[in-house]
Amino acid sequence: MLFTTRKRFLSGLLGITFAGLVVAQGRGAAQFSLRSIDGQTVTSDSLRGEVVVLAFGASWLPLSKTQLQGVRKLADQYSDRGVVVYWVSTESEDSKSKNYASDDQLRSFSQRYGLKVTVLRDPDGGVSKKMGVDQLPSIVILDKQGNIVGSPIGGLDPGGNLAGQLADRLDKILVQ
C-alpha cells in the first residue's frame, strides 16, 4: 500500500514536473533577438510560421568548417519546403576577448566556405544557453509556433551530412 501510494505520488509529481518543463521550454527558451552580421535583427516573433534551424558554432572551431558545408546543403535541400536556416556565431564582439570575431571576419569566413544563409551573432552566449546548447557545434530546431523541438543536437556528423542527420525531425515537423 505504501509502495503504491508512493508510486502514484511520484508518477503525479513527474507528470506535473514534465509538463512544467515543456511549457517553460516552449515559452521561455525560444524567445530571442539576434543581430545579423549585416545589421538586421532577427527575433523569434518574426520567425513564427516558419520551421527554423539554428546552427550554433564558432569560426575558430574546426568542426564548424565541416558544419558550414552541412548547413549550406541543408538550406539548399529544405529552403523550398519552408525551412529557414541560420548559422549563429557564439564569438565575442569585444576586440579584447580571446574569442573575438568581427562582422567582417565572420562574413569572410562564411564566404570562404560558400555559406549562403544569414549569419547571426550570439556574442554573450545568452540565447544558446537559454536554448540548452552546451557544446559547439549544436543545432536547435524550432517548429512553426516557435517552440524548441527536442533537445539541442550535438555530436554532428563530421562528414557534413547534416541534412541526413536532421531529415526525420524536419520531415515530421513539416507535415504537422
N, C-alpha and C. Protein backbone atom coordinates (compact mmCIF):
# COMPACT_ATOMS: atom_id res chain seq x y z
N MET A 1 0.83 -1.20 0.00
CA MET A 1 0.00 0.00 0.00
C MET A 1 0.87 1.26 0.00
N LEU A 2 1.89 1.27 0.87
CA LEU A 2 2.78 2.41 0.91
C LEU A 2 3.52 2.55 -0.43
N PHE A 3 3.94 1.42 -1.01
CA PHE A 3 4.63 1.44 -2.29
C PHE A 3 3.72 1.99 -3.39
N THR A 4 2.47 1.55 -3.42
CA THR A 4 1.51 2.00 -4.43
C THR A 4 1.27 3.50 -4.29
N THR A 5 1.09 3.97 -3.07
CA THR A 5 0.87 5.39 -2.83
C THR A 5 2.09 6.19 -3.26
N ARG A 6 3.25 5.71 -2.89
CA ARG A 6 4.49 6.40 -3.25
C ARG A 6 4.65 6.42 -4.78
N LYS A 7 4.31 5.31 -5.43
CA LYS A 7 4.42 5.21 -6.90
C LYS A 7 3.48 6.21 -7.56
N ARG A 8 2.23 6.30 -7.07
CA ARG A 8 1.27 7.26 -7.62
C ARG A 8 1.75 8.70 -7.42
N PHE A 9 2.28 8.96 -6.22
CA PHE A 9 2.77 10.29 -5.90
C PHE A 9 3.90 10.67 -6.86
N LEU A 10 4.86 9.75 -7.03
CA LEU A 10 5.99 10.04 -7.92
C LEU A 10 5.53 10.20 -9.37
N SER A 11 4.60 9.36 -9.81
CA SER A 11 4.07 9.48 -11.18
C SER A 11 3.40 10.83 -11.37
N GLY A 12 2.60 11.22 -10.42
CA GLY A 12 1.94 12.52 -10.50
C GLY A 12 2.93 13.66 -10.47
N LEU A 13 3.91 13.56 -9.60
CA LEU A 13 4.93 14.59 -9.49
C LEU A 13 5.73 14.70 -10.78
N LEU A 14 6.13 13.56 -11.35
CA LEU A 14 6.88 13.58 -12.60
C LEU A 14 6.03 14.15 -13.72
N GLY A 15 4.76 13.81 -13.76
CA GLY A 15 3.87 14.35 -14.79
C GLY A 15 3.76 15.86 -14.69
N ILE A 16 3.61 16.36 -13.48
CA ILE A 16 3.50 17.80 -13.27
C ILE A 16 4.82 18.48 -13.64
N THR A 17 5.92 17.91 -13.18
CA THR A 17 7.22 18.50 -13.47
C THR A 17 7.50 18.47 -14.96
N PHE A 18 7.24 17.35 -15.61
CA PHE A 18 7.48 17.24 -17.04
C PHE A 18 6.64 18.26 -17.81
N ALA A 19 5.37 18.36 -17.45
CA ALA A 19 4.50 19.33 -18.13
C ALA A 19 5.03 20.75 -17.93
N GLY A 20 5.51 21.05 -16.73
CA GLY A 20 6.06 22.37 -16.47
C GLY A 20 7.29 22.65 -17.30
N LEU A 21 8.14 21.65 -17.48
CA LEU A 21 9.35 21.83 -18.28
C LEU A 21 9.00 22.07 -19.74
N VAL A 22 8.06 21.36 -20.26
CA VAL A 22 7.68 21.52 -21.66
C VAL A 22 7.13 22.92 -21.89
N VAL A 23 6.26 23.36 -21.01
CA VAL A 23 5.67 24.69 -21.15
C VAL A 23 6.76 25.75 -21.02
N ALA A 24 7.63 25.59 -20.03
CA ALA A 24 8.69 26.58 -19.84
C ALA A 24 9.62 26.61 -21.05
N GLN A 25 9.95 25.43 -21.59
CA GLN A 25 10.84 25.40 -22.74
C GLN A 25 10.17 26.05 -23.95
N GLY A 26 8.92 25.74 -24.18
CA GLY A 26 8.21 26.29 -25.32
C GLY A 26 8.04 27.79 -25.23
N ARG A 27 7.81 28.31 -24.04
CA ARG A 27 7.58 29.75 -23.87
C ARG A 27 8.87 30.52 -23.72
N GLY A 28 9.73 30.09 -22.82
CA GLY A 28 10.89 30.90 -22.47
C GLY A 28 12.09 30.70 -23.36
N ALA A 29 12.45 29.47 -23.65
CA ALA A 29 13.71 29.20 -24.32
C ALA A 29 13.72 29.67 -25.77
N ALA A 30 12.57 29.74 -26.40
CA ALA A 30 12.55 30.10 -27.81
C ALA A 30 12.40 31.60 -28.04
N GLN A 31 12.34 32.40 -27.00
CA GLN A 31 12.25 33.85 -27.16
C GLN A 31 13.66 34.41 -27.33
N PHE A 32 13.92 35.06 -28.48
CA PHE A 32 15.25 35.59 -28.69
C PHE A 32 15.22 36.75 -29.68
N SER A 33 16.31 37.49 -29.67
CA SER A 33 16.56 38.55 -30.62
C SER A 33 18.06 38.52 -30.90
N LEU A 34 18.41 38.29 -32.16
CA LEU A 34 19.82 38.21 -32.54
C LEU A 34 20.08 39.16 -33.70
N ARG A 35 21.27 39.72 -33.71
CA ARG A 35 21.68 40.63 -34.78
C ARG A 35 22.45 39.86 -35.83
N SER A 36 22.15 40.14 -37.10
CA SER A 36 22.91 39.51 -38.18
C SER A 36 24.18 40.32 -38.42
N ILE A 37 25.14 39.72 -39.12
CA ILE A 37 26.38 40.44 -39.42
C ILE A 37 26.14 41.56 -40.43
N ASP A 38 24.95 41.60 -41.01
CA ASP A 38 24.57 42.68 -41.92
C ASP A 38 23.75 43.76 -41.24
N GLY A 39 23.60 43.66 -39.91
CA GLY A 39 22.93 44.70 -39.14
C GLY A 39 21.44 44.52 -38.95
N GLN A 40 20.85 43.49 -39.51
CA GLN A 40 19.42 43.23 -39.33
C GLN A 40 19.19 42.53 -37.99
N THR A 41 17.99 42.65 -37.45
CA THR A 41 17.62 41.95 -36.23
C THR A 41 16.63 40.86 -36.58
N VAL A 42 16.91 39.66 -36.08
CA VAL A 42 16.03 38.52 -36.28
C VAL A 42 15.50 38.13 -34.90
N THR A 43 14.18 38.10 -34.77
CA THR A 43 13.57 37.75 -33.50
C THR A 43 12.76 36.47 -33.64
N SER A 44 12.51 35.84 -32.52
CA SER A 44 11.68 34.64 -32.53
C SER A 44 10.29 34.98 -33.04
N ASP A 45 9.77 36.14 -32.70
CA ASP A 45 8.43 36.53 -33.16
C ASP A 45 8.38 36.69 -34.67
N SER A 46 9.46 37.21 -35.26
CA SER A 46 9.46 37.42 -36.72
C SER A 46 9.54 36.10 -37.49
N LEU A 47 9.88 35.02 -36.81
CA LEU A 47 10.02 33.72 -37.47
C LEU A 47 8.82 32.81 -37.29
N ARG A 48 7.79 33.28 -36.58
CA ARG A 48 6.60 32.46 -36.39
C ARG A 48 6.03 32.08 -37.76
N GLY A 49 5.59 30.85 -37.89
CA GLY A 49 5.06 30.36 -39.15
C GLY A 49 6.10 29.64 -40.01
N GLU A 50 7.36 29.71 -39.58
CA GLU A 50 8.46 29.04 -40.30
C GLU A 50 9.06 27.96 -39.41
N VAL A 51 9.56 26.91 -40.02
CA VAL A 51 10.39 25.95 -39.31
C VAL A 51 11.80 26.52 -39.38
N VAL A 52 12.47 26.61 -38.24
CA VAL A 52 13.76 27.29 -38.16
C VAL A 52 14.84 26.33 -37.65
N VAL A 53 15.99 26.36 -38.31
CA VAL A 53 17.15 25.62 -37.85
C VAL A 53 18.21 26.65 -37.47
N LEU A 54 18.64 26.61 -36.21
CA LEU A 54 19.71 27.47 -35.72
C LEU A 54 20.94 26.59 -35.51
N ALA A 55 21.98 26.83 -36.31
CA ALA A 55 23.22 26.06 -36.21
C ALA A 55 24.23 26.91 -35.45
N PHE A 56 24.48 26.56 -34.19
CA PHE A 56 25.40 27.31 -33.34
C PHE A 56 26.82 26.81 -33.55
N GLY A 57 27.76 27.74 -33.72
CA GLY A 57 29.16 27.36 -33.90
C GLY A 57 30.07 28.56 -33.71
N ALA A 58 31.34 28.36 -34.06
CA ALA A 58 32.35 29.41 -33.98
C ALA A 58 33.35 29.19 -35.10
N SER A 59 33.84 30.28 -35.67
CA SER A 59 34.73 30.17 -36.81
C SER A 59 36.07 29.53 -36.46
N TRP A 60 36.49 29.62 -35.20
CA TRP A 60 37.76 29.03 -34.79
C TRP A 60 37.67 27.52 -34.59
N LEU A 61 36.46 26.99 -34.56
CA LEU A 61 36.25 25.58 -34.30
C LEU A 61 36.37 24.78 -35.60
N PRO A 62 37.33 23.86 -35.69
CA PRO A 62 37.48 23.11 -36.94
C PRO A 62 36.20 22.42 -37.42
N LEU A 63 35.40 21.89 -36.50
CA LEU A 63 34.17 21.23 -36.91
C LEU A 63 33.19 22.19 -37.57
N SER A 64 33.27 23.47 -37.22
CA SER A 64 32.33 24.43 -37.80
C SER A 64 32.54 24.57 -39.30
N LYS A 65 33.76 24.33 -39.76
CA LYS A 65 34.01 24.41 -41.20
C LYS A 65 33.25 23.30 -41.92
N THR A 66 33.28 22.11 -41.36
CA THR A 66 32.52 21.00 -41.92
C THR A 66 31.03 21.25 -41.72
N GLN A 67 30.69 21.79 -40.54
CA GLN A 67 29.30 22.09 -40.24
C GLN A 67 28.74 23.08 -41.25
N LEU A 68 29.54 24.06 -41.65
CA LEU A 68 29.07 25.06 -42.61
C LEU A 68 28.69 24.42 -43.94
N GLN A 69 29.46 23.45 -44.37
CA GLN A 69 29.12 22.74 -45.60
C GLN A 69 27.79 22.01 -45.43
N GLY A 70 27.60 21.40 -44.27
CA GLY A 70 26.34 20.72 -43.98
C GLY A 70 25.17 21.68 -43.89
N VAL A 71 25.40 22.84 -43.29
CA VAL A 71 24.36 23.87 -43.18
C VAL A 71 23.96 24.35 -44.57
N ARG A 72 24.96 24.56 -45.41
CA ARG A 72 24.68 25.00 -46.79
C ARG A 72 23.82 23.98 -47.52
N LYS A 73 24.18 22.71 -47.42
CA LYS A 73 23.42 21.65 -48.09
C LYS A 73 22.01 21.54 -47.51
N LEU A 74 21.91 21.67 -46.18
CA LEU A 74 20.61 21.62 -45.52
C LEU A 74 19.70 22.74 -46.04
N ALA A 75 20.25 23.95 -46.10
CA ALA A 75 19.47 25.09 -46.59
C ALA A 75 19.05 24.86 -48.04
N ASP A 76 19.96 24.33 -48.86
CA ASP A 76 19.63 24.07 -50.26
C ASP A 76 18.49 23.05 -50.38
N GLN A 77 18.54 22.00 -49.56
CA GLN A 77 17.53 20.94 -49.65
C GLN A 77 16.17 21.34 -49.11
N TYR A 78 16.14 22.17 -48.06
CA TYR A 78 14.89 22.44 -47.36
C TYR A 78 14.33 23.84 -47.54
N SER A 79 15.04 24.74 -48.19
CA SER A 79 14.54 26.12 -48.31
C SER A 79 13.22 26.20 -49.06
N ASP A 80 13.02 25.36 -50.06
CA ASP A 80 11.76 25.40 -50.80
C ASP A 80 10.64 24.66 -50.09
N ARG A 81 10.95 24.08 -48.92
CA ARG A 81 9.93 23.37 -48.14
C ARG A 81 9.52 24.16 -46.89
N GLY A 82 9.97 25.42 -46.78
CA GLY A 82 9.55 26.25 -45.67
C GLY A 82 10.46 26.20 -44.45
N VAL A 83 11.71 25.77 -44.62
CA VAL A 83 12.66 25.73 -43.51
C VAL A 83 13.65 26.88 -43.70
N VAL A 84 13.82 27.67 -42.64
CA VAL A 84 14.77 28.78 -42.66
C VAL A 84 15.97 28.36 -41.81
N VAL A 85 17.16 28.49 -42.37
CA VAL A 85 18.37 28.05 -41.71
C VAL A 85 19.26 29.25 -41.42
N TYR A 86 19.79 29.31 -40.19
CA TYR A 86 20.73 30.36 -39.78
C TYR A 86 21.97 29.71 -39.17
N TRP A 87 23.12 30.34 -39.40
CA TRP A 87 24.32 29.95 -38.68
C TRP A 87 24.54 31.01 -37.61
N VAL A 88 24.68 30.59 -36.35
CA VAL A 88 24.78 31.52 -35.23
C VAL A 88 26.19 31.44 -34.64
N SER A 89 26.94 32.53 -34.77
CA SER A 89 28.28 32.60 -34.21
C SER A 89 28.19 32.95 -32.73
N THR A 90 28.92 32.20 -31.93
CA THR A 90 28.94 32.47 -30.49
C THR A 90 30.17 33.27 -30.09
N GLU A 91 30.86 33.82 -31.07
CA GLU A 91 32.08 34.55 -30.79
C GLU A 91 31.79 35.96 -30.28
N SER A 92 32.70 36.45 -29.47
CA SER A 92 32.56 37.75 -28.82
C SER A 92 32.65 38.90 -29.82
N GLU A 93 31.99 39.99 -29.48
CA GLU A 93 32.10 41.23 -30.26
C GLU A 93 33.09 42.19 -29.62
N ASP A 94 33.69 41.78 -28.50
CA ASP A 94 34.67 42.59 -27.78
C ASP A 94 36.07 42.27 -28.31
N SER A 95 36.71 43.26 -28.93
CA SER A 95 38.01 43.03 -29.57
C SER A 95 39.10 42.62 -28.58
N LYS A 96 38.87 42.81 -27.30
CA LYS A 96 39.85 42.41 -26.27
C LYS A 96 39.70 40.95 -25.86
N SER A 97 38.64 40.33 -26.31
CA SER A 97 38.37 38.94 -25.95
C SER A 97 39.20 37.99 -26.81
N LYS A 98 39.60 36.87 -26.23
CA LYS A 98 40.31 35.83 -26.99
C LYS A 98 39.37 35.19 -28.02
N ASN A 99 38.09 35.26 -27.75
CA ASN A 99 37.06 34.63 -28.59
C ASN A 99 36.43 35.66 -29.53
N TYR A 100 37.20 36.66 -29.97
CA TYR A 100 36.68 37.76 -30.77
C TYR A 100 36.62 37.42 -32.25
N ALA A 101 35.56 37.87 -32.89
CA ALA A 101 35.45 37.85 -34.35
C ALA A 101 34.60 39.05 -34.76
N SER A 102 35.10 39.84 -35.69
CA SER A 102 34.33 40.98 -36.18
C SER A 102 33.29 40.50 -37.20
N ASP A 103 32.36 41.36 -37.51
CA ASP A 103 31.37 41.04 -38.55
C ASP A 103 32.07 40.76 -39.88
N ASP A 104 33.09 41.56 -40.20
CA ASP A 104 33.82 41.34 -41.44
C ASP A 104 34.53 39.99 -41.46
N GLN A 105 35.11 39.60 -40.33
CA GLN A 105 35.77 38.29 -40.26
C GLN A 105 34.76 37.17 -40.45
N LEU A 106 33.58 37.29 -39.83
CA LEU A 106 32.55 36.26 -39.98
C LEU A 106 32.01 36.24 -41.41
N ARG A 107 31.87 37.41 -42.01
CA ARG A 107 31.41 37.50 -43.40
C ARG A 107 32.43 36.80 -44.32
N SER A 108 33.70 37.07 -44.11
CA SER A 108 34.75 36.45 -44.90
C SER A 108 34.78 34.94 -44.69
N PHE A 109 34.62 34.52 -43.46
CA PHE A 109 34.59 33.10 -43.13
C PHE A 109 33.44 32.40 -43.84
N SER A 110 32.25 32.99 -43.79
CA SER A 110 31.09 32.35 -44.42
C SER A 110 31.23 32.34 -45.95
N GLN A 111 31.82 33.39 -46.52
CA GLN A 111 32.04 33.42 -47.97
C GLN A 111 33.06 32.38 -48.40
N ARG A 112 34.11 32.22 -47.60
CA ARG A 112 35.17 31.25 -47.90
C ARG A 112 34.61 29.83 -48.00
N TYR A 113 33.59 29.53 -47.19
CA TYR A 113 33.01 28.20 -47.16
C TYR A 113 31.67 28.11 -47.91
N GLY A 114 31.35 29.14 -48.67
CA GLY A 114 30.16 29.11 -49.52
C GLY A 114 28.85 29.08 -48.76
N LEU A 115 28.84 29.61 -47.56
CA LEU A 115 27.62 29.63 -46.75
C LEU A 115 26.70 30.71 -47.28
N LYS A 116 25.49 30.33 -47.66
CA LYS A 116 24.55 31.28 -48.26
C LYS A 116 23.37 31.56 -47.35
N VAL A 117 23.53 31.29 -46.06
CA VAL A 117 22.46 31.58 -45.10
C VAL A 117 22.88 32.79 -44.26
N THR A 118 21.91 33.39 -43.62
CA THR A 118 22.18 34.54 -42.77
C THR A 118 23.00 34.11 -41.56
N VAL A 119 24.02 34.90 -41.26
CA VAL A 119 24.87 34.65 -40.08
C VAL A 119 24.39 35.58 -38.97
N LEU A 120 24.04 34.99 -37.85
CA LEU A 120 23.59 35.74 -36.68
C LEU A 120 24.68 35.71 -35.61
N ARG A 121 24.56 36.62 -34.64
CA ARG A 121 25.54 36.68 -33.55
C ARG A 121 24.86 36.45 -32.21
N ASP A 122 25.50 35.62 -31.40
CA ASP A 122 25.11 35.39 -30.01
C ASP A 122 26.37 35.56 -29.16
N PRO A 123 26.88 36.81 -29.10
CA PRO A 123 28.21 37.04 -28.54
C PRO A 123 28.36 36.74 -27.05
N ASP A 124 27.31 36.84 -26.29
CA ASP A 124 27.42 36.54 -24.86
C ASP A 124 26.93 35.13 -24.55
N GLY A 125 26.47 34.42 -25.57
CA GLY A 125 26.00 33.04 -25.38
C GLY A 125 24.67 32.94 -24.67
N GLY A 126 24.00 34.05 -24.47
CA GLY A 126 22.73 34.05 -23.74
C GLY A 126 21.64 33.24 -24.41
N VAL A 127 21.52 33.38 -25.72
CA VAL A 127 20.47 32.66 -26.45
C VAL A 127 20.78 31.16 -26.48
N SER A 128 22.03 30.83 -26.79
CA SER A 128 22.38 29.41 -26.85
C SER A 128 22.20 28.74 -25.49
N LYS A 129 22.57 29.42 -24.42
CA LYS A 129 22.39 28.84 -23.08
C LYS A 129 20.91 28.66 -22.76
N LYS A 130 20.11 29.66 -23.11
CA LYS A 130 18.68 29.59 -22.85
C LYS A 130 18.03 28.43 -23.59
N MET A 131 18.61 28.09 -24.75
CA MET A 131 18.07 27.00 -25.56
C MET A 131 18.67 25.64 -25.20
N GLY A 132 19.56 25.63 -24.22
CA GLY A 132 20.12 24.36 -23.75
C GLY A 132 21.35 23.89 -24.49
N VAL A 133 21.95 24.74 -25.31
CA VAL A 133 23.16 24.37 -26.02
C VAL A 133 24.32 24.34 -25.03
N ASP A 134 25.00 23.19 -24.96
CA ASP A 134 26.13 23.07 -24.05
C ASP A 134 27.41 22.62 -24.75
N GLN A 135 27.36 22.53 -26.06
CA GLN A 135 28.56 22.20 -26.84
C GLN A 135 28.45 22.82 -28.22
N LEU A 136 29.59 23.02 -28.84
CA LEU A 136 29.62 23.55 -30.20
C LEU A 136 30.31 22.53 -31.09
N PRO A 137 29.84 22.36 -32.30
CA PRO A 137 28.62 22.91 -32.85
C PRO A 137 27.38 22.18 -32.34
N SER A 138 26.26 22.85 -32.37
CA SER A 138 24.96 22.27 -32.00
C SER A 138 23.87 22.86 -32.87
N ILE A 139 22.80 22.11 -33.00
CA ILE A 139 21.65 22.52 -33.80
C ILE A 139 20.43 22.59 -32.90
N VAL A 140 19.64 23.66 -33.06
CA VAL A 140 18.35 23.79 -32.38
C VAL A 140 17.31 23.97 -33.48
N ILE A 141 16.22 23.22 -33.37
CA ILE A 141 15.13 23.31 -34.35
C ILE A 141 13.91 23.91 -33.66
N LEU A 142 13.29 24.88 -34.32
CA LEU A 142 12.05 25.50 -33.83
C LEU A 142 10.93 25.14 -34.79
N ASP A 143 9.76 24.79 -34.21
CA ASP A 143 8.61 24.50 -35.07
C ASP A 143 7.94 25.80 -35.50
N LYS A 144 6.86 25.71 -36.24
CA LYS A 144 6.19 26.89 -36.79
C LYS A 144 5.60 27.82 -35.72
N GLN A 145 5.39 27.27 -34.51
CA GLN A 145 4.88 28.08 -33.41
C GLN A 145 6.02 28.68 -32.59
N GLY A 146 7.26 28.39 -32.95
CA GLY A 146 8.41 28.94 -32.24
C GLY A 146 8.88 28.09 -31.08
N ASN A 147 8.33 26.89 -30.93
CA ASN A 147 8.74 26.01 -29.84
C ASN A 147 9.98 25.21 -30.22
N ILE A 148 10.84 24.99 -29.25
CA ILE A 148 12.02 24.16 -29.48
C ILE A 148 11.56 22.72 -29.62
N VAL A 149 12.04 22.06 -30.67
CA VAL A 149 11.68 20.66 -30.93
C VAL A 149 12.81 19.78 -30.41
N GLY A 150 12.53 19.04 -29.35
CA GLY A 150 13.54 18.15 -28.79
C GLY A 150 14.67 18.91 -28.13
N SER A 151 15.72 18.18 -27.86
CA SER A 151 16.92 18.76 -27.25
C SER A 151 17.85 19.26 -28.35
N PRO A 152 18.78 20.17 -27.99
CA PRO A 152 19.78 20.57 -28.98
C PRO A 152 20.53 19.33 -29.48
N ILE A 153 20.90 19.37 -30.74
CA ILE A 153 21.58 18.24 -31.37
C ILE A 153 23.06 18.57 -31.47
N GLY A 154 23.86 17.85 -30.71
CA GLY A 154 25.32 17.99 -30.79
C GLY A 154 25.87 16.73 -31.42
N GLY A 155 27.15 16.60 -31.42
CA GLY A 155 27.75 15.41 -31.99
C GLY A 155 27.42 15.26 -33.46
N LEU A 156 27.56 16.35 -34.20
CA LEU A 156 27.18 16.36 -35.61
C LEU A 156 28.09 15.48 -36.44
N ASP A 157 27.54 14.98 -37.52
CA ASP A 157 28.26 14.12 -38.44
C ASP A 157 29.47 14.86 -39.01
N PRO A 158 30.68 14.38 -38.71
CA PRO A 158 31.86 15.07 -39.23
C PRO A 158 31.95 15.01 -40.76
N GLY A 159 31.19 14.14 -41.39
CA GLY A 159 31.18 14.06 -42.84
C GLY A 159 30.35 15.15 -43.49
N GLY A 160 29.65 15.94 -42.69
CA GLY A 160 28.88 17.06 -43.22
C GLY A 160 27.48 16.72 -43.70
N ASN A 161 26.99 15.50 -43.44
CA ASN A 161 25.66 15.12 -43.90
C ASN A 161 24.60 15.57 -42.88
N LEU A 162 24.54 16.86 -42.67
CA LEU A 162 23.61 17.42 -41.70
C LEU A 162 22.17 17.21 -42.12
N ALA A 163 21.89 17.35 -43.39
CA ALA A 163 20.52 17.15 -43.89
C ALA A 163 20.05 15.73 -43.58
N GLY A 164 20.92 14.76 -43.78
CA GLY A 164 20.57 13.37 -43.48
C GLY A 164 20.34 13.16 -42.00
N GLN A 165 21.14 13.84 -41.17
CA GLN A 165 21.01 13.71 -39.73
C GLN A 165 19.70 14.33 -39.21
N LEU A 166 19.23 15.37 -39.86
CA LEU A 166 18.05 16.09 -39.39
C LEU A 166 16.77 15.74 -40.16
N ALA A 167 16.88 14.95 -41.21
CA ALA A 167 15.75 14.69 -42.10
C ALA A 167 14.51 14.18 -41.36
N ASP A 168 14.65 13.19 -40.49
CA ASP A 168 13.48 12.64 -39.79
C ASP A 168 12.77 13.71 -38.98
N ARG A 169 13.52 14.49 -38.20
CA ARG A 169 12.90 15.53 -37.37
C ARG A 169 12.22 16.58 -38.22
N LEU A 170 12.92 17.07 -39.23
CA LEU A 170 12.36 18.13 -40.07
C LEU A 170 11.13 17.64 -40.84
N ASP A 171 11.20 16.44 -41.38
CA ASP A 171 10.05 15.92 -42.14
C ASP A 171 8.82 15.77 -41.25
N LYS A 172 9.00 15.34 -40.00
CA LYS A 172 7.86 15.21 -39.07
C LYS A 172 7.25 16.59 -38.77
N ILE A 173 8.09 17.58 -38.57
CA ILE A 173 7.59 18.93 -38.25
C ILE A 173 6.86 19.51 -39.45
N LEU A 174 7.39 19.30 -40.64
CA LEU A 174 6.80 19.88 -41.84
C LEU A 174 5.43 19.34 -42.19
N VAL A 175 5.13 18.11 -41.78
CA VAL A 175 3.81 17.53 -42.08
C VAL A 175 2.77 17.90 -41.03
N GLN A 176 3.17 18.53 -39.96
CA GLN A 176 2.22 18.90 -38.90
C GLN A 176 1.40 20.09 -39.30
